[in-house]
Amino acid sequence: MSEHVPAGGPANGAYVFRLYLAAGAPNSVRALANLYAICHKHFPKCHRIEVIDVLKEPLRALAEAIFVTPTVVKISPAPEQQIIGDLSEEDKVLSALGLPQNDNV
């Protein structure tokens, strides 16, 4: 598990994401890079990403009903939502996760 917490720590109302991936798989590598890029662009000071490698934690993935990688779950703010794929289509990712789109960035 790895985590990105911006300087100053997560604030109330921070965007929290959990990325389930299979380490080293091309789609998982792209999903991680794309999620970091989206977060840095749209939520530069208020996001946290938790990475779960399903190859190292298969029981956790099973318990949390994750059957396909890469899968991103938006934990906070509510409601919890998820999307499967490499996250390469930014507008679709933001929309699917119910996230604000900032066209001025």
N, C-alpha and C. Protein backbone atom coordinates (compact mmCIF):
# COMPACT_ATOMS: atom_id res chain seq x y z
N MET A 1 0.85 -1.18 0.00
CA MET A 1 0.00 0.00 0.00
C MET A 1 0.89 1.23 0.00
N SER A 2 0.56 2.16 -0.87
CA SER A 2 1.27 3.44 -0.84
C SER A 2 0.24 4.54 -0.80
N GLU A 3 0.69 5.68 -0.40
CA GLU A 3 -0.27 6.76 -0.18
C GLU A 3 0.38 8.08 -0.55
N HIS A 4 -0.41 8.97 -1.09
CA HIS A 4 0.07 10.33 -1.34
C HIS A 4 -0.76 11.27 -0.49
N VAL A 5 -0.09 11.97 0.39
CA VAL A 5 -0.77 12.98 1.21
C VAL A 5 -0.04 14.28 0.98
N PRO A 6 -0.74 15.31 0.52
CA PRO A 6 -0.07 16.57 0.25
C PRO A 6 0.51 17.20 1.50
N ALA A 7 1.47 18.11 1.31
CA ALA A 7 2.08 18.81 2.44
C ALA A 7 0.99 19.45 3.29
N GLY A 8 1.14 19.34 4.57
CA GLY A 8 0.13 19.89 5.48
C GLY A 8 -0.91 18.87 5.86
N GLY A 9 -0.86 17.68 5.23
CA GLY A 9 -1.80 16.62 5.57
C GLY A 9 -3.15 16.82 4.92
N PRO A 10 -3.96 15.77 4.92
CA PRO A 10 -5.28 15.89 4.30
C PRO A 10 -6.19 16.78 5.12
N ALA A 11 -6.92 17.62 4.43
CA ALA A 11 -7.86 18.52 5.10
C ALA A 11 -9.23 17.88 5.13
N ASN A 12 -10.11 18.39 5.98
CA ASN A 12 -11.50 17.94 5.92
C ASN A 12 -12.00 18.21 4.53
N GLY A 13 -12.77 17.28 4.00
CA GLY A 13 -13.28 17.46 2.66
C GLY A 13 -12.30 17.04 1.58
N ALA A 14 -11.21 16.39 1.96
CA ALA A 14 -10.25 15.93 0.97
C ALA A 14 -10.86 14.85 0.10
N TYR A 15 -10.41 14.77 -1.13
CA TYR A 15 -10.82 13.70 -2.02
C TYR A 15 -9.95 12.49 -1.71
N VAL A 16 -10.59 11.37 -1.44
CA VAL A 16 -9.88 10.15 -1.08
C VAL A 16 -10.23 9.08 -2.11
N PHE A 17 -9.18 8.51 -2.70
CA PHE A 17 -9.35 7.49 -3.73
C PHE A 17 -8.60 6.22 -3.32
N ARG A 18 -9.16 5.08 -3.70
CA ARG A 18 -8.49 3.80 -3.49
C ARG A 18 -8.37 3.15 -4.87
N LEU A 19 -7.14 2.87 -5.27
CA LEU A 19 -6.87 2.26 -6.57
C LEU A 19 -6.44 0.82 -6.36
N TYR A 20 -7.23 -0.10 -6.92
CA TYR A 20 -6.89 -1.52 -6.89
C TYR A 20 -6.22 -1.83 -8.22
N LEU A 21 -5.02 -2.40 -8.15
CA LEU A 21 -4.28 -2.70 -9.37
C LEU A 21 -3.50 -3.99 -9.22
N ALA A 22 -3.03 -4.47 -10.36
CA ALA A 22 -2.12 -5.61 -10.41
C ALA A 22 -0.76 -5.02 -10.79
N ALA A 23 0.11 -4.93 -9.81
CA ALA A 23 1.40 -4.24 -10.00
C ALA A 23 2.11 -4.74 -11.24
N GLY A 24 2.58 -3.80 -12.04
CA GLY A 24 3.34 -4.13 -13.23
C GLY A 24 2.49 -4.33 -14.47
N ALA A 25 1.19 -4.57 -14.33
CA ALA A 25 0.33 -4.74 -15.50
C ALA A 25 0.20 -3.39 -16.21
N PRO A 26 0.30 -3.37 -17.53
CA PRO A 26 0.29 -2.09 -18.27
C PRO A 26 -0.92 -1.21 -17.94
N ASN A 27 -2.12 -1.75 -17.90
CA ASN A 27 -3.30 -0.93 -17.60
C ASN A 27 -3.24 -0.38 -16.18
N SER A 28 -2.70 -1.15 -15.26
CA SER A 28 -2.58 -0.68 -13.88
C SER A 28 -1.57 0.45 -13.76
N VAL A 29 -0.46 0.33 -14.46
CA VAL A 29 0.56 1.39 -14.46
C VAL A 29 -0.04 2.67 -15.03
N ARG A 30 -0.77 2.56 -16.15
CA ARG A 30 -1.41 3.73 -16.75
C ARG A 30 -2.46 4.33 -15.82
N ALA A 31 -3.25 3.47 -15.18
CA ALA A 31 -4.30 3.97 -14.27
C ALA A 31 -3.69 4.76 -13.13
N LEU A 32 -2.60 4.28 -12.56
CA LEU A 32 -1.95 4.99 -11.46
C LEU A 32 -1.43 6.34 -11.93
N ALA A 33 -0.76 6.36 -13.07
CA ALA A 33 -0.23 7.62 -13.60
C ALA A 33 -1.37 8.59 -13.92
N ASN A 34 -2.42 8.08 -14.52
CA ASN A 34 -3.55 8.95 -14.87
C ASN A 34 -4.27 9.48 -13.64
N LEU A 35 -4.44 8.64 -12.62
CA LEU A 35 -5.10 9.10 -11.39
C LEU A 35 -4.27 10.19 -10.71
N TYR A 36 -2.96 10.00 -10.63
CA TYR A 36 -2.10 11.04 -10.06
C TYR A 36 -2.23 12.33 -10.86
N ALA A 37 -2.23 12.24 -12.19
CA ALA A 37 -2.32 13.43 -13.03
C ALA A 37 -3.65 14.15 -12.81
N ILE A 38 -4.74 13.39 -12.75
CA ILE A 38 -6.06 13.99 -12.53
C ILE A 38 -6.11 14.69 -11.17
N CYS A 39 -5.61 14.01 -10.15
CA CYS A 39 -5.63 14.60 -8.80
C CYS A 39 -4.77 15.85 -8.72
N HIS A 40 -3.58 15.80 -9.29
CA HIS A 40 -2.70 16.97 -9.25
C HIS A 40 -3.28 18.14 -10.02
N LYS A 41 -4.01 17.86 -11.08
CA LYS A 41 -4.61 18.92 -11.89
C LYS A 41 -5.85 19.51 -11.23
N HIS A 42 -6.73 18.65 -10.71
CA HIS A 42 -8.03 19.12 -10.23
C HIS A 42 -8.11 19.32 -8.71
N PHE A 43 -7.32 18.57 -7.95
CA PHE A 43 -7.36 18.66 -6.48
C PHE A 43 -5.94 18.68 -5.93
N PRO A 44 -5.13 19.66 -6.31
CA PRO A 44 -3.70 19.61 -6.00
C PRO A 44 -3.36 19.59 -4.51
N LYS A 45 -4.20 20.16 -3.67
CA LYS A 45 -3.84 20.22 -2.25
C LYS A 45 -4.83 19.48 -1.37
N CYS A 46 -5.73 18.74 -1.97
CA CYS A 46 -6.75 18.10 -1.13
C CYS A 46 -7.12 16.72 -1.64
N HIS A 47 -6.10 15.86 -1.83
CA HIS A 47 -6.39 14.49 -2.25
C HIS A 47 -5.47 13.50 -1.56
N ARG A 48 -5.96 12.26 -1.53
CA ARG A 48 -5.16 11.16 -1.00
C ARG A 48 -5.46 9.96 -1.86
N ILE A 49 -4.44 9.23 -2.24
CA ILE A 49 -4.58 8.03 -3.05
C ILE A 49 -3.99 6.85 -2.29
N GLU A 50 -4.81 5.84 -2.09
CA GLU A 50 -4.36 4.60 -1.47
C GLU A 50 -4.28 3.55 -2.57
N VAL A 51 -3.15 2.89 -2.69
CA VAL A 51 -2.94 1.89 -3.74
C VAL A 51 -2.94 0.50 -3.12
N ILE A 52 -3.81 -0.36 -3.66
CA ILE A 52 -3.91 -1.74 -3.20
C ILE A 52 -3.49 -2.65 -4.35
N ASP A 53 -2.43 -3.41 -4.14
CA ASP A 53 -1.99 -4.39 -5.13
C ASP A 53 -2.73 -5.69 -4.85
N VAL A 54 -3.64 -6.06 -5.75
CA VAL A 54 -4.47 -7.24 -5.51
C VAL A 54 -3.66 -8.53 -5.57
N LEU A 55 -2.46 -8.49 -6.14
CA LEU A 55 -1.61 -9.66 -6.14
C LEU A 55 -1.00 -9.90 -4.76
N LYS A 56 -0.82 -8.83 -4.00
CA LYS A 56 -0.28 -8.94 -2.64
C LYS A 56 -1.39 -9.06 -1.60
N GLU A 57 -2.57 -8.51 -1.91
CA GLU A 57 -3.69 -8.52 -0.96
C GLU A 57 -4.97 -9.06 -1.62
N PRO A 58 -4.92 -10.30 -2.11
CA PRO A 58 -6.10 -10.83 -2.83
C PRO A 58 -7.34 -10.96 -1.95
N LEU A 59 -7.17 -11.29 -0.70
CA LEU A 59 -8.33 -11.44 0.17
C LEU A 59 -9.02 -10.11 0.43
N ARG A 60 -8.24 -9.04 0.53
CA ARG A 60 -8.84 -7.72 0.72
C ARG A 60 -9.66 -7.33 -0.50
N ALA A 61 -9.10 -7.56 -1.69
CA ALA A 61 -9.83 -7.24 -2.91
C ALA A 61 -11.12 -8.06 -2.99
N LEU A 62 -11.04 -9.32 -2.66
CA LEU A 62 -12.22 -10.18 -2.67
C LEU A 62 -13.26 -9.70 -1.66
N ALA A 63 -12.81 -9.37 -0.46
CA ALA A 63 -13.72 -8.90 0.60
C ALA A 63 -14.40 -7.59 0.20
N GLU A 64 -13.72 -6.78 -0.61
CA GLU A 64 -14.27 -5.50 -1.02
C GLU A 64 -14.92 -5.58 -2.40
N ALA A 65 -15.15 -6.81 -2.87
CA ALA A 65 -15.85 -7.08 -4.13
C ALA A 65 -15.17 -6.43 -5.34
N ILE A 66 -13.84 -6.49 -5.37
CA ILE A 66 -13.09 -5.98 -6.52
C ILE A 66 -12.64 -7.20 -7.31
N PHE A 67 -13.17 -7.34 -8.52
CA PHE A 67 -12.89 -8.51 -9.34
C PHE A 67 -12.12 -8.18 -10.62
N VAL A 68 -11.98 -6.88 -10.91
CA VAL A 68 -11.30 -6.44 -12.12
C VAL A 68 -10.33 -5.33 -11.75
N THR A 69 -9.15 -5.36 -12.37
CA THR A 69 -8.19 -4.27 -12.16
C THR A 69 -7.88 -3.66 -13.51
N PRO A 70 -7.53 -2.40 -13.51
CA PRO A 70 -7.54 -1.47 -12.38
C PRO A 70 -8.96 -0.96 -12.09
N THR A 71 -9.24 -0.79 -10.81
CA THR A 71 -10.50 -0.22 -10.35
C THR A 71 -10.18 0.91 -9.39
N VAL A 72 -10.82 2.06 -9.59
CA VAL A 72 -10.68 3.19 -8.67
C VAL A 72 -11.99 3.35 -7.94
N VAL A 73 -11.89 3.49 -6.62
CA VAL A 73 -13.06 3.77 -5.79
C VAL A 73 -12.86 5.15 -5.17
N LYS A 74 -13.83 6.04 -5.39
CA LYS A 74 -13.80 7.34 -4.72
C LYS A 74 -14.46 7.11 -3.36
N ILE A 75 -13.69 7.22 -2.31
CA ILE A 75 -14.16 6.99 -0.95
C ILE A 75 -14.84 8.23 -0.40
N SER A 76 -14.22 9.38 -0.63
CA SER A 76 -14.71 10.63 -0.07
C SER A 76 -14.47 11.73 -1.09
N PRO A 77 -15.37 12.66 -1.22
CA PRO A 77 -16.62 12.81 -0.48
C PRO A 77 -17.68 11.81 -0.96
N ALA A 78 -18.64 11.56 -0.09
CA ALA A 78 -19.73 10.64 -0.40
C ALA A 78 -20.52 11.18 -1.58
N PRO A 79 -21.19 10.34 -2.32
CA PRO A 79 -21.29 8.89 -2.17
C PRO A 79 -20.07 8.18 -2.76
N GLU A 80 -19.82 6.98 -2.27
CA GLU A 80 -18.74 6.16 -2.80
C GLU A 80 -19.10 5.74 -4.23
N GLN A 81 -18.15 5.90 -5.14
CA GLN A 81 -18.37 5.53 -6.54
C GLN A 81 -17.11 4.89 -7.08
N GLN A 82 -17.26 4.09 -8.14
CA GLN A 82 -16.08 3.45 -8.70
C GLN A 82 -16.12 3.43 -10.22
N ILE A 83 -14.93 3.25 -10.79
CA ILE A 83 -14.77 3.15 -12.23
C ILE A 83 -13.66 2.15 -12.51
N ILE A 84 -13.82 1.41 -13.59
CA ILE A 84 -12.83 0.40 -13.99
C ILE A 84 -12.16 0.89 -15.26
N GLY A 85 -10.84 0.69 -15.35
CA GLY A 85 -10.12 1.02 -16.57
C GLY A 85 -8.85 1.80 -16.27
N ASP A 86 -8.18 2.23 -17.35
CA ASP A 86 -6.88 2.90 -17.18
C ASP A 86 -7.00 4.40 -16.95
N LEU A 87 -8.24 4.92 -16.88
CA LEU A 87 -8.52 6.32 -16.54
C LEU A 87 -7.95 7.30 -17.57
N SER A 88 -7.82 6.85 -18.81
CA SER A 88 -7.21 7.70 -19.83
C SER A 88 -8.14 8.79 -20.36
N GLU A 89 -9.45 8.63 -20.17
CA GLU A 89 -10.40 9.64 -20.63
C GLU A 89 -10.85 10.48 -19.44
N GLU A 90 -10.11 11.54 -19.18
CA GLU A 90 -10.28 12.36 -17.98
C GLU A 90 -11.72 12.83 -17.75
N ASP A 91 -12.37 13.35 -18.78
CA ASP A 91 -13.74 13.84 -18.61
C ASP A 91 -14.68 12.73 -18.16
N LYS A 92 -14.52 11.55 -18.75
CA LYS A 92 -15.38 10.41 -18.37
C LYS A 92 -15.09 9.96 -16.95
N VAL A 93 -13.84 10.00 -16.54
CA VAL A 93 -13.47 9.61 -15.18
C VAL A 93 -14.11 10.57 -14.18
N LEU A 94 -13.96 11.86 -14.42
CA LEU A 94 -14.53 12.86 -13.51
C LEU A 94 -16.04 12.70 -13.42
N SER A 95 -16.67 12.51 -14.55
CA SER A 95 -18.13 12.36 -14.58
C SER A 95 -18.57 11.08 -13.86
N ALA A 96 -17.91 9.97 -14.15
CA ALA A 96 -18.29 8.68 -13.55
C ALA A 96 -18.13 8.69 -12.03
N LEU A 97 -17.15 9.43 -11.54
CA LEU A 97 -16.91 9.49 -10.10
C LEU A 97 -17.64 10.65 -9.44
N GLY A 98 -18.41 11.39 -10.22
CA GLY A 98 -19.16 12.51 -9.66
C GLY A 98 -18.28 13.64 -9.17
N LEU A 99 -17.19 13.89 -9.89
CA LEU A 99 -16.22 14.90 -9.47
C LEU A 99 -16.39 16.18 -10.28
N PRO A 100 -16.07 17.32 -9.67
CA PRO A 100 -16.17 18.59 -10.39
C PRO A 100 -15.11 18.66 -11.48
N GLN A 101 -15.47 19.28 -12.58
CA GLN A 101 -14.53 19.49 -13.67
C GLN A 101 -14.16 20.95 -13.71
N ASN A 102 -12.87 21.21 -13.63
CA ASN A 102 -12.39 22.58 -13.63
C ASN A 102 -11.72 22.84 -14.97
N ASP A 103 -12.42 23.51 -15.87
CA ASP A 103 -11.90 23.76 -17.21
C ASP A 103 -10.86 24.86 -17.24
N ASN A 104 -10.70 25.58 -16.14
CA ASN A 104 -9.75 26.70 -16.10
C ASN A 104 -8.36 26.29 -15.71
N VAL A 105 -8.14 25.00 -15.48
CA VAL A 105 -6.83 24.54 -15.01
C VAL A 105 -5.95 24.25 -16.19
